[in-house]
Amino acid sequence: MDSFDEIWALVKEEIRCSVAEVAYNVWLSPLEFVSFKNDTVYLSISDFKKKIIVDKFSLVVNTAFENVLGFPVTVEYVVPGDLIKNDTEGDGKKSDPDYDYTFENFITGPSNKFAHAAAINVAANPGKAYNPLFIYGHSGLGKTHLLMAIMNEIKQNNPNADIIYTSGELFTNELVYYIGNHNTYAFHEKYRKCDVLLVDDIQFIARAETTQEEFFHTFNALTSNDKQVVLTSDRPPREMMTLEERLRTRFEMGLIADIQPPTLETRMAIVKKKSDDLNLDLGDDVIKFIADNIKKNIRQLEGAVKKIKAYQDMEGSKPTIGVAKKAISDIINDNQPLPVTVENIIGEVSRTFDVTPADIRSDKRSSNISLARQVAIYIVDQVTGLSLKAIGNEFGNKHHSTIIYALKEIKHKLEKDIALKATVDDIIKNINEQ
């Protein structure tokens, strides 16, 4: 590899393939490389996002660097203004520009044509066409692309428009932050007076009553003043079991559009478009091979093309079916390393139940922490197939008898509490789609 720019680009691609798309766009895409010195990588991020990344995504970032470099490094996060520059490597600039999310770059087909047309109408007539616009579909099918295309189109038409792009998870975390700092007024000023509110993965707000209450008032304030709201989710409003009825009816009062997995022809068009964007000459046989083997995730299709491009640039490998097979084997491997999977599970549970990962692994016995711990143990047992002893080791070296007791208790609770079961099912679904 000729420079750290190339390494950083590969690391970001590793990170992108390890987390949900919205998590990458909101939290990890803004990371900027600063310097690399004495086996320590310095990355720049805002002070607010720094805490979340350190708490929730540090293992993902560290693992990505180790996978690319072949050895572990220490990752330090610094905020703008406190940047530590290296005299010989790196200039603090982003080396991997974000994908150009536009309507022109969105490949349409039978599975997404309706959602695409609705998004174009909203971007052309914000607050007037469909309000709210609710787009749903599984991860990696283009919901975020449409959301950001709306944002970019409105910005181009009206540079002074106050547009907020966020996620259900970030909205919740910000609310907690402002409540903790006794400054909900600033939160209201930010969200209730914008011109356009775009929220990715809105299903996350269904886990917390306080967040739903706040979003209800935010939604009313915006729509009553003809301000545009666009929401995406992995399911339609009627399937959000813990969503309040008053929010469900409001989400359904505009236009609901779904996105399904792309057809073979659409997948081939996506691969061809991405290869053209990267000036990569792929033969029809290679294009069809990729499209035949990656059927449900557009992000993985694009990731495969990027991998092939990287092999060509750094190894001189011609884009043959053999190289494509190697790229696909890296990308569509559904078996994350167990430490990453366990870390993701504990992170999801900690966010859902508003406790820290350290609390979950501790011996604290307050009711909310005990419940979160039991849920985390149950999901690890369901998803990973680890032995009881291995699960105990992941939760502070607890004896296997403690794990048996926790599993017995949570299974009993799930049988009686429909809302809790819905929450646990949501977490398992999110983990399986990462």
Protein backbone atom coordinates (compact mmCIF):
# COMPACT_ATOMS: atom_id res chain seq x y z
CA MET A 1 0.00 0.00 0.00
CA ASP A 2 1.49 3.32 -1.09
CA SER A 3 0.03 5.60 1.59
CA PHE A 4 -2.10 5.71 4.67
CA ASP A 5 -4.84 7.22 2.52
CA GLU A 6 -5.24 3.81 0.89
CA ILE A 7 -5.16 2.05 4.25
CA TRP A 8 -7.74 4.43 5.70
CA ALA A 9 -10.03 3.92 2.71
CA LEU A 10 -9.90 0.15 3.24
CA VAL A 11 -10.44 0.52 6.99
CA LYS A 12 -13.55 2.63 6.40
CA GLU A 13 -14.86 0.00 4.01
CA GLU A 14 -14.25 -2.70 6.66
CA ILE A 15 -16.14 -0.58 9.18
CA ARG A 16 -18.99 0.06 6.74
CA CYS A 17 -19.45 -3.68 6.21
CA SER A 18 -19.44 -4.37 9.97
CA VAL A 19 -22.26 -2.08 11.11
CA ALA A 20 -25.73 -1.03 10.03
CA GLU A 21 -25.76 1.60 7.27
CA VAL A 22 -27.38 4.28 9.41
CA ALA A 23 -24.86 3.69 12.20
CA TYR A 24 -22.05 4.14 9.69
CA ASN A 25 -23.52 7.30 8.14
CA VAL A 26 -24.38 9.00 11.41
CA TRP A 27 -21.52 7.97 13.68
CA LEU A 28 -18.56 6.54 11.78
CA SER A 29 -18.50 8.18 8.35
CA PRO A 30 -17.56 11.59 9.89
CA LEU A 31 -14.34 10.12 11.32
CA GLU A 32 -11.27 11.73 9.77
CA PHE A 33 -7.74 10.39 9.75
CA VAL A 34 -5.23 12.71 11.45
CA SER A 35 -1.99 10.79 11.88
CA PHE A 36 -0.33 7.43 12.52
CA LYS A 37 2.66 7.33 14.84
CA ASN A 38 4.25 4.68 17.06
CA ASP A 39 1.46 2.14 16.43
CA THR A 40 -1.17 4.71 17.43
CA VAL A 41 -3.78 5.99 15.00
CA TYR A 42 -5.31 9.40 15.67
CA LEU A 43 -8.82 10.02 14.34
CA SER A 44 -10.80 13.27 14.53
CA ILE A 45 -14.46 13.44 15.56
CA SER A 46 -16.77 15.92 17.31
CA ASP A 47 -16.84 15.89 21.10
CA PHE A 48 -20.47 14.69 21.25
CA LYS A 49 -19.94 11.77 18.87
CA LYS A 50 -16.60 10.84 20.44
CA LYS A 51 -18.23 9.42 23.57
CA ILE A 52 -20.70 7.31 21.59
CA ILE A 53 -17.98 5.94 19.30
CA VAL A 54 -15.70 5.06 22.20
CA ASP A 55 -18.55 3.36 24.10
CA LYS A 56 -20.28 1.59 21.21
CA PHE A 57 -17.98 1.23 18.22
CA SER A 58 -14.35 1.17 19.43
CA LEU A 59 -14.05 -2.60 18.99
CA VAL A 60 -15.38 -2.38 15.43
CA VAL A 61 -12.85 0.34 14.54
CA ASN A 62 -9.94 -1.48 16.19
CA THR A 63 -10.84 -4.75 14.47
CA ALA A 64 -11.05 -3.02 11.08
CA PHE A 65 -7.53 -1.62 11.48
CA GLU A 66 -6.15 -5.00 12.54
CA ASN A 67 -7.82 -6.75 9.59
CA VAL A 68 -6.31 -4.29 7.10
CA LEU A 69 -2.86 -3.83 8.66
CA GLY A 70 -2.36 -7.36 9.93
CA PHE A 71 -1.43 -6.19 13.43
CA PRO A 72 -3.26 -4.40 16.28
CA VAL A 73 -2.94 -0.65 16.80
CA THR A 74 -4.08 1.80 19.45
CA VAL A 75 -6.80 4.17 18.24
CA GLU A 76 -7.09 7.60 19.84
CA TYR A 77 -10.00 9.96 19.15
CA VAL A 78 -9.37 13.70 19.18
CA VAL A 79 -11.75 16.62 18.70
CA PRO A 80 -11.19 19.48 16.20
CA GLY A 81 -8.97 22.12 17.72
CA ASP A 82 -6.97 19.52 19.64
CA LEU A 83 -5.70 17.67 16.58
CA ILE A 84 -2.34 15.97 16.84
CA LYS A 85 -0.69 16.33 13.46
CA ASN A 86 2.07 14.07 12.18
CA ASP A 87 4.84 15.83 10.29
CA THR A 88 5.37 13.10 7.75
CA GLU A 89 2.07 11.26 7.20
CA GLY A 90 -1.48 12.47 6.64
CA ASP A 91 -2.93 15.93 6.26
CA GLY A 92 -6.14 15.61 8.26
CA LYS A 93 -8.30 15.57 5.15
CA LYS A 94 -10.89 12.95 4.42
CA SER A 95 -9.39 10.38 2.07
CA ASP A 96 -12.59 8.52 1.30
CA PRO A 97 -15.30 10.98 0.23
CA ASP A 98 -18.84 9.97 1.00
CA TYR A 99 -20.78 8.36 -1.80
CA ASP A 100 -22.60 10.84 -4.01
CA TYR A 101 -26.19 10.24 -2.88
CA THR A 102 -28.36 11.61 -5.68
CA PHE A 103 -31.49 10.48 -7.48
CA GLU A 104 -29.45 10.08 -10.66
CA ASN A 105 -27.15 7.58 -8.93
CA PHE A 106 -30.04 5.53 -7.60
CA ILE A 107 -30.67 2.52 -9.84
CA THR A 108 -34.41 1.93 -10.13
CA GLY A 109 -36.30 -1.27 -10.82
CA PRO A 110 -39.64 -2.89 -10.00
CA SER A 111 -38.62 -3.28 -6.36
CA ASN A 112 -38.01 0.42 -5.62
CA LYS A 113 -39.56 2.50 -8.41
CA PHE A 114 -42.51 3.71 -6.31
CA ALA A 115 -40.33 4.81 -3.38
CA HIS A 116 -37.93 6.55 -5.76
CA ALA A 117 -40.75 8.50 -7.45
CA ALA A 118 -42.24 9.51 -4.10
CA ALA A 119 -38.86 10.75 -2.86
CA ILE A 120 -38.39 12.87 -6.01
CA ASN A 121 -41.81 14.47 -5.48
CA VAL A 122 -41.03 15.26 -1.85
CA ALA A 123 -37.68 16.81 -2.75
CA ALA A 124 -39.36 18.99 -5.39
CA ASN A 125 -42.25 20.04 -3.13
CA PRO A 126 -41.15 19.73 0.51
CA GLY A 127 -44.05 20.01 2.95
CA LYS A 128 -46.63 19.80 0.16
CA ALA A 129 -46.34 16.49 -1.70
CA TYR A 130 -46.47 13.74 0.93
CA ASN A 131 -46.06 14.55 4.59
CA PRO A 132 -44.75 12.45 6.13
CA LEU A 133 -43.11 10.18 3.59
CA PHE A 134 -42.45 6.81 5.25
CA ILE A 135 -40.07 4.45 3.43
CA TYR A 136 -39.50 0.95 4.78
CA GLY A 137 -37.50 -2.12 3.79
CA HIS A 138 -34.68 -4.37 5.00
CA SER A 139 -31.15 -3.13 5.57
CA GLY A 140 -28.98 -2.35 2.55
CA LEU A 141 -31.74 -1.77 -0.01
CA GLY A 142 -31.31 1.98 -0.54
CA LYS A 143 -33.49 3.70 2.08
CA THR A 144 -30.61 5.86 3.29
CA HIS A 145 -29.62 6.67 -0.30
CA LEU A 146 -33.12 8.05 -0.98
CA LEU A 147 -33.14 9.96 2.31
CA MET A 148 -29.84 11.67 1.52
CA ALA A 149 -30.82 12.24 -2.10
CA ILE A 150 -33.85 14.17 -0.80
CA MET A 151 -31.55 16.21 1.40
CA ASN A 152 -29.11 16.96 -1.42
CA GLU A 153 -31.87 17.90 -3.87
CA ILE A 154 -33.55 20.28 -1.43
CA LYS A 155 -30.17 21.83 -0.58
CA GLN A 156 -29.50 22.41 -4.26
CA ASN A 157 -32.91 24.00 -4.80
CA ASN A 158 -32.83 26.00 -1.57
CA PRO A 159 -29.35 26.45 -0.06
CA ASN A 160 -30.81 28.29 2.94
CA ALA A 161 -33.15 25.47 3.96
CA ASP A 162 -32.62 24.22 7.50
CA ILE A 163 -32.36 20.46 7.01
CA ILE A 164 -31.67 17.92 9.75
CA TYR A 165 -30.56 14.40 8.90
CA THR A 166 -30.45 12.08 11.92
CA SER A 167 -31.44 8.61 13.07
CA GLY A 168 -33.88 7.31 15.63
CA GLU A 169 -30.93 6.25 17.77
CA LEU A 170 -29.15 9.60 17.52
CA PHE A 171 -32.39 11.48 18.23
CA THR A 172 -32.75 9.42 21.42
CA ASN A 173 -29.12 9.91 22.46
CA GLU A 174 -29.30 13.65 21.86
CA LEU A 175 -32.47 13.92 23.91
CA VAL A 176 -30.80 12.10 26.81
CA TYR A 177 -27.78 14.40 26.46
CA TYR A 178 -29.85 17.58 26.56
CA ILE A 179 -32.01 16.35 29.43
CA GLY A 180 -28.86 15.51 31.39
CA ASN A 181 -27.58 19.03 30.77
CA HIS A 182 -30.95 20.60 31.70
CA ASN A 183 -31.21 22.23 28.29
CA THR A 184 -34.21 20.73 26.52
CA TYR A 185 -35.00 24.23 25.21
CA ALA A 186 -32.00 23.99 22.86
CA PHE A 187 -33.18 20.56 21.72
CA HIS A 188 -36.64 21.95 20.94
CA GLU A 189 -35.15 24.91 19.10
CA LYS A 190 -33.07 22.61 16.94
CA TYR A 191 -35.69 20.05 15.98
CA ARG A 192 -39.01 21.89 16.08
CA LYS A 193 -37.96 24.85 13.92
CA CYS A 194 -36.16 23.15 11.05
CA ASP A 195 -37.58 23.12 7.51
CA VAL A 196 -36.96 19.43 6.80
CA LEU A 197 -36.48 16.55 9.22
CA LEU A 198 -35.06 13.29 7.83
CA VAL A 199 -34.91 10.39 10.29
CA ASP A 200 -33.29 7.07 9.40
CA ASP A 201 -34.29 3.92 11.33
CA ILE A 202 -37.17 5.58 13.14
CA GLN A 203 -38.07 2.21 14.69
CA PHE A 204 -35.45 2.86 17.39
CA ILE A 205 -37.65 5.46 19.09
CA ALA A 206 -40.30 2.82 19.78
CA ARG A 207 -38.15 1.51 22.62
CA ALA A 208 -38.43 4.53 24.92
CA GLU A 209 -41.54 6.35 26.16
CA THR A 210 -39.74 9.66 26.73
CA THR A 211 -38.35 9.64 23.19
CA GLN A 212 -41.76 8.87 21.72
CA GLU A 213 -43.31 11.71 23.70
CA GLU A 214 -40.67 14.14 22.43
CA PHE A 215 -40.92 12.97 18.84
CA PHE A 216 -44.71 13.25 18.95
CA HIS A 217 -44.47 16.96 19.78
CA THR A 218 -41.63 17.49 17.28
CA PHE A 219 -43.66 15.81 14.53
CA ASN A 220 -46.76 17.90 15.30
CA ALA A 221 -44.78 21.15 15.43
CA LEU A 222 -43.26 20.50 12.00
CA THR A 223 -46.21 19.10 10.07
CA SER A 224 -48.63 21.72 11.41
CA ASN A 225 -46.33 24.34 9.84
CA ASP A 226 -45.98 22.46 6.54
CA LYS A 227 -42.42 21.41 7.27
CA GLN A 228 -41.38 18.16 5.60
CA VAL A 229 -40.80 14.96 7.56
CA VAL A 230 -39.30 11.86 5.93
CA LEU A 231 -38.85 8.64 7.89
CA THR A 232 -37.27 5.29 7.10
CA SER A 233 -37.65 2.02 8.93
CA ASP A 234 -37.06 -1.69 8.56
CA ARG A 235 -40.80 -2.33 8.86
CA PRO A 236 -44.13 -0.52 8.34
CA PRO A 237 -45.68 1.40 11.26
CA ARG A 238 -48.30 -1.29 11.93
CA GLU A 239 -45.52 -3.80 12.75
CA MET A 240 -43.85 -1.59 15.36
CA MET A 241 -45.38 -3.36 18.33
CA THR A 242 -44.12 -0.91 20.99
CA LEU A 243 -44.90 2.27 19.02
CA GLU A 244 -47.60 4.45 20.58
CA GLU A 245 -50.87 4.48 18.63
CA ARG A 246 -50.86 8.27 18.27
CA LEU A 247 -47.47 8.11 16.53
CA ARG A 248 -48.48 5.13 14.42
CA THR A 249 -51.50 6.97 13.03
CA ARG A 250 -49.39 10.03 12.25
CA PHE A 251 -46.76 7.97 10.45
CA GLU A 252 -49.54 6.48 8.35
CA MET A 253 -51.26 9.74 7.48
CA GLY A 254 -48.87 10.58 4.64
CA LEU A 255 -47.49 8.16 2.06
CA ILE A 256 -45.98 4.76 2.87
CA ALA A 257 -43.59 3.26 0.30
CA ASP A 258 -41.71 -0.01 0.58
CA ILE A 259 -38.46 -1.18 -1.00
CA GLN A 260 -38.00 -4.86 -1.79
CA PRO A 261 -34.79 -6.76 -2.70
CA PRO A 262 -33.70 -5.89 -6.26
CA THR A 263 -34.25 -8.17 -9.24
CA LEU A 264 -31.28 -9.76 -11.02
CA GLU A 265 -31.43 -7.13 -13.77
CA THR A 266 -31.43 -4.32 -11.20
CA ARG A 267 -28.53 -5.91 -9.32
CA MET A 268 -26.51 -6.15 -12.52
CA ALA A 269 -27.26 -2.51 -13.30
CA ILE A 270 -26.07 -1.51 -9.81
CA VAL A 271 -22.79 -3.41 -10.23
CA LYS A 272 -22.26 -1.90 -13.70
CA LYS A 273 -22.95 1.64 -12.46
CA LYS A 274 -20.58 1.27 -9.50
CA SER A 275 -17.81 -0.16 -11.67
CA ASP A 276 -18.22 2.74 -14.12
CA ASP A 277 -18.02 5.22 -11.23
CA LEU A 278 -14.71 3.63 -10.18
CA ASN A 279 -13.35 3.41 -13.75
CA LEU A 280 -13.25 -0.36 -13.36
CA ASP A 281 -13.73 -2.46 -16.49
CA LEU A 282 -15.83 -5.48 -15.47
CA GLY A 283 -16.86 -8.06 -18.01
CA ASP A 284 -20.46 -9.14 -18.28
CA ASP A 285 -19.56 -12.54 -16.80
CA VAL A 286 -18.07 -10.91 -13.68
CA ILE A 287 -21.03 -8.56 -13.32
CA LYS A 288 -23.50 -11.42 -13.52
CA PHE A 289 -21.44 -13.53 -11.11
CA ILE A 290 -21.58 -10.80 -8.47
CA ALA A 291 -25.29 -10.17 -9.05
CA ASP A 292 -26.08 -13.90 -8.89
CA ASN A 293 -24.33 -14.32 -5.55
CA ILE A 294 -25.39 -11.14 -3.71
CA LYS A 295 -29.17 -10.94 -3.87
CA LYS A 296 -30.52 -8.92 -0.97
CA ASN A 297 -28.12 -6.09 -0.16
CA ILE A 298 -27.14 -3.20 -2.43
CA ARG A 299 -24.42 -2.08 -0.04
CA GLN A 300 -22.75 -5.48 -0.39
CA LEU A 301 -22.98 -5.29 -4.18
CA GLU A 302 -21.16 -1.96 -4.15
CA GLY A 303 -18.70 -3.24 -1.56
CA ALA A 304 -17.78 -6.17 -3.80
CA VAL A 305 -16.96 -3.81 -6.66
CA LYS A 306 -14.85 -1.64 -4.36
CA LYS A 307 -12.92 -4.70 -3.20
CA ILE A 308 -12.20 -5.74 -6.79
CA LYS A 309 -11.02 -2.20 -7.54
CA ALA A 310 -8.71 -2.30 -4.51
CA TYR A 311 -7.24 -5.64 -5.61
CA GLN A 312 -6.56 -4.19 -9.07
CA ASP A 313 -4.97 -0.99 -7.76
CA MET A 314 -2.76 -2.57 -5.10
CA GLU A 315 -2.03 -6.04 -6.44
CA GLY A 316 -2.46 -5.56 -10.17
CA SER A 317 -5.17 -8.25 -10.19
CA LYS A 318 -7.34 -8.31 -13.28
CA PRO A 319 -11.09 -8.26 -12.51
CA THR A 320 -11.78 -11.92 -13.24
CA ILE A 321 -14.43 -14.19 -11.75
CA GLY A 322 -11.71 -15.61 -9.47
CA VAL A 323 -10.99 -12.16 -8.06
CA ALA A 324 -14.73 -11.50 -7.75
CA LYS A 325 -15.13 -14.75 -5.82
CA LYS A 326 -12.41 -13.63 -3.42
CA ALA A 327 -14.06 -10.23 -2.95
CA ILE A 328 -17.45 -11.77 -2.32
CA SER A 329 -16.09 -14.25 0.20
CA ASP A 330 -14.85 -11.30 2.26
CA ILE A 331 -18.07 -9.33 2.04
CA ILE A 332 -20.93 -11.78 2.32
CA ASN A 333 -19.47 -13.85 5.12
CA ASP A 334 -22.36 -13.69 7.58
CA ASN A 335 -20.32 -15.03 10.49
CA GLN A 336 -18.89 -12.04 12.32
CA PRO A 337 -16.06 -12.79 14.76
CA LEU A 338 -17.73 -13.83 18.01
CA PRO A 339 -16.13 -11.04 20.07
CA VAL A 340 -17.58 -8.48 17.64
CA THR A 341 -21.00 -10.14 17.70
CA VAL A 342 -21.10 -10.23 21.51
CA GLU A 343 -19.93 -6.63 21.68
CA ASN A 344 -22.66 -5.59 19.21
CA ILE A 345 -25.31 -7.42 21.24
CA ILE A 346 -24.27 -5.81 24.50
CA GLY A 347 -24.12 -2.43 22.75
CA GLU A 348 -27.64 -2.84 21.32
CA VAL A 349 -29.03 -3.92 24.71
CA SER A 350 -27.28 -1.08 26.54
CA ARG A 351 -28.80 1.50 24.21
CA THR A 352 -32.25 -0.06 24.44
CA PHE A 353 -32.34 -0.25 28.23
CA ASP A 354 -30.34 2.94 28.86
CA VAL A 355 -27.52 1.32 30.82
CA THR A 356 -23.83 1.09 30.02
CA PRO A 357 -22.03 -2.00 28.67
CA ALA A 358 -19.95 -1.95 31.87
CA ASP A 359 -23.16 -2.15 33.93
CA ILE A 360 -24.31 -5.18 31.95
CA ARG A 361 -21.02 -6.96 32.60
CA SER A 362 -20.96 -5.93 36.28
CA ASP A 363 -22.49 -7.52 39.39
CA LYS A 364 -24.89 -4.61 39.97
CA ARG A 365 -28.37 -5.83 40.88
CA SER A 366 -30.70 -2.87 40.33
CA SER A 367 -33.81 -3.98 38.46
CA ASN A 368 -33.08 -2.18 35.17
CA ILE A 369 -29.48 -3.42 35.00
CA SER A 370 -30.46 -6.98 35.95
CA LEU A 371 -33.11 -7.05 33.22
CA ALA A 372 -30.68 -5.67 30.62
CA ARG A 373 -28.09 -8.27 31.65
CA GLN A 374 -30.61 -11.11 31.37
CA VAL A 375 -31.71 -9.89 27.94
CA ALA A 376 -28.10 -9.64 26.75
CA ILE A 377 -27.30 -13.15 28.01
CA TYR A 378 -30.41 -14.52 26.34
CA ILE A 379 -29.60 -12.90 22.96
CA VAL A 380 -25.96 -14.04 23.09
CA ASP A 381 -27.22 -17.56 23.78
CA GLN A 382 -29.71 -17.36 20.89
CA VAL A 383 -27.42 -15.75 18.32
CA THR A 384 -23.89 -17.04 18.94
CA GLY A 385 -24.27 -20.62 20.12
CA LEU A 386 -21.54 -20.10 22.72
CA SER A 387 -21.33 -22.55 25.60
CA LEU A 388 -22.70 -21.51 29.00
CA LYS A 389 -19.15 -21.25 30.33
CA ALA A 390 -18.08 -19.06 27.39
CA ILE A 391 -21.14 -16.81 27.87
CA GLY A 392 -20.25 -16.47 31.54
CA ASN A 393 -16.74 -15.37 30.57
CA GLU A 394 -18.21 -12.64 28.37
CA PHE A 395 -20.22 -11.29 31.30
CA GLY A 396 -17.54 -10.73 33.89
CA ASN A 397 -16.47 -14.38 34.33
CA LYS A 398 -19.80 -15.40 35.82
CA HIS A 399 -20.30 -19.05 36.76
CA HIS A 400 -22.33 -21.12 34.31
CA SER A 401 -24.99 -21.67 37.00
CA THR A 402 -25.57 -17.89 37.02
CA ILE A 403 -26.07 -17.99 33.25
CA ILE A 404 -28.57 -20.85 33.59
CA TYR A 405 -30.51 -18.88 36.19
CA ALA A 406 -30.51 -15.72 34.02
CA LEU A 407 -31.78 -17.65 31.00
CA LYS A 408 -34.54 -19.27 33.06
CA GLU A 409 -35.64 -15.90 34.47
CA ILE A 410 -35.71 -14.04 31.16
CA LYS A 411 -37.56 -16.83 29.35
CA HIS A 412 -40.21 -16.70 32.06
CA LYS A 413 -40.49 -12.91 31.64
CA LEU A 414 -40.71 -13.14 27.85
CA GLU A 415 -43.63 -15.55 28.12
CA LYS A 416 -45.60 -13.02 30.20
CA ASP A 417 -44.50 -9.64 28.79
CA ILE A 418 -45.47 -9.12 25.13
CA ALA A 419 -43.79 -5.70 24.92
CA LEU A 420 -40.52 -7.06 26.29
CA LYS A 421 -40.62 -9.94 23.82
CA ALA A 422 -41.18 -7.49 20.95
CA THR A 423 -38.19 -5.45 22.11
CA VAL A 424 -35.97 -8.52 22.35
CA ASP A 425 -37.11 -9.72 18.92
CA ASP A 426 -36.25 -6.29 17.49
CA ILE A 427 -32.74 -6.43 18.95
CA ILE A 428 -32.14 -9.93 17.57
CA LYS A 429 -33.37 -8.81 14.14
CA ASN A 430 -31.05 -5.79 14.16
CA ILE A 431 -28.06 -7.93 15.19
CA ASN A 432 -28.75 -10.50 12.47
CA GLU A 433 -28.93 -7.74 9.82
CA GLN A 434 -25.66 -6.06 10.79
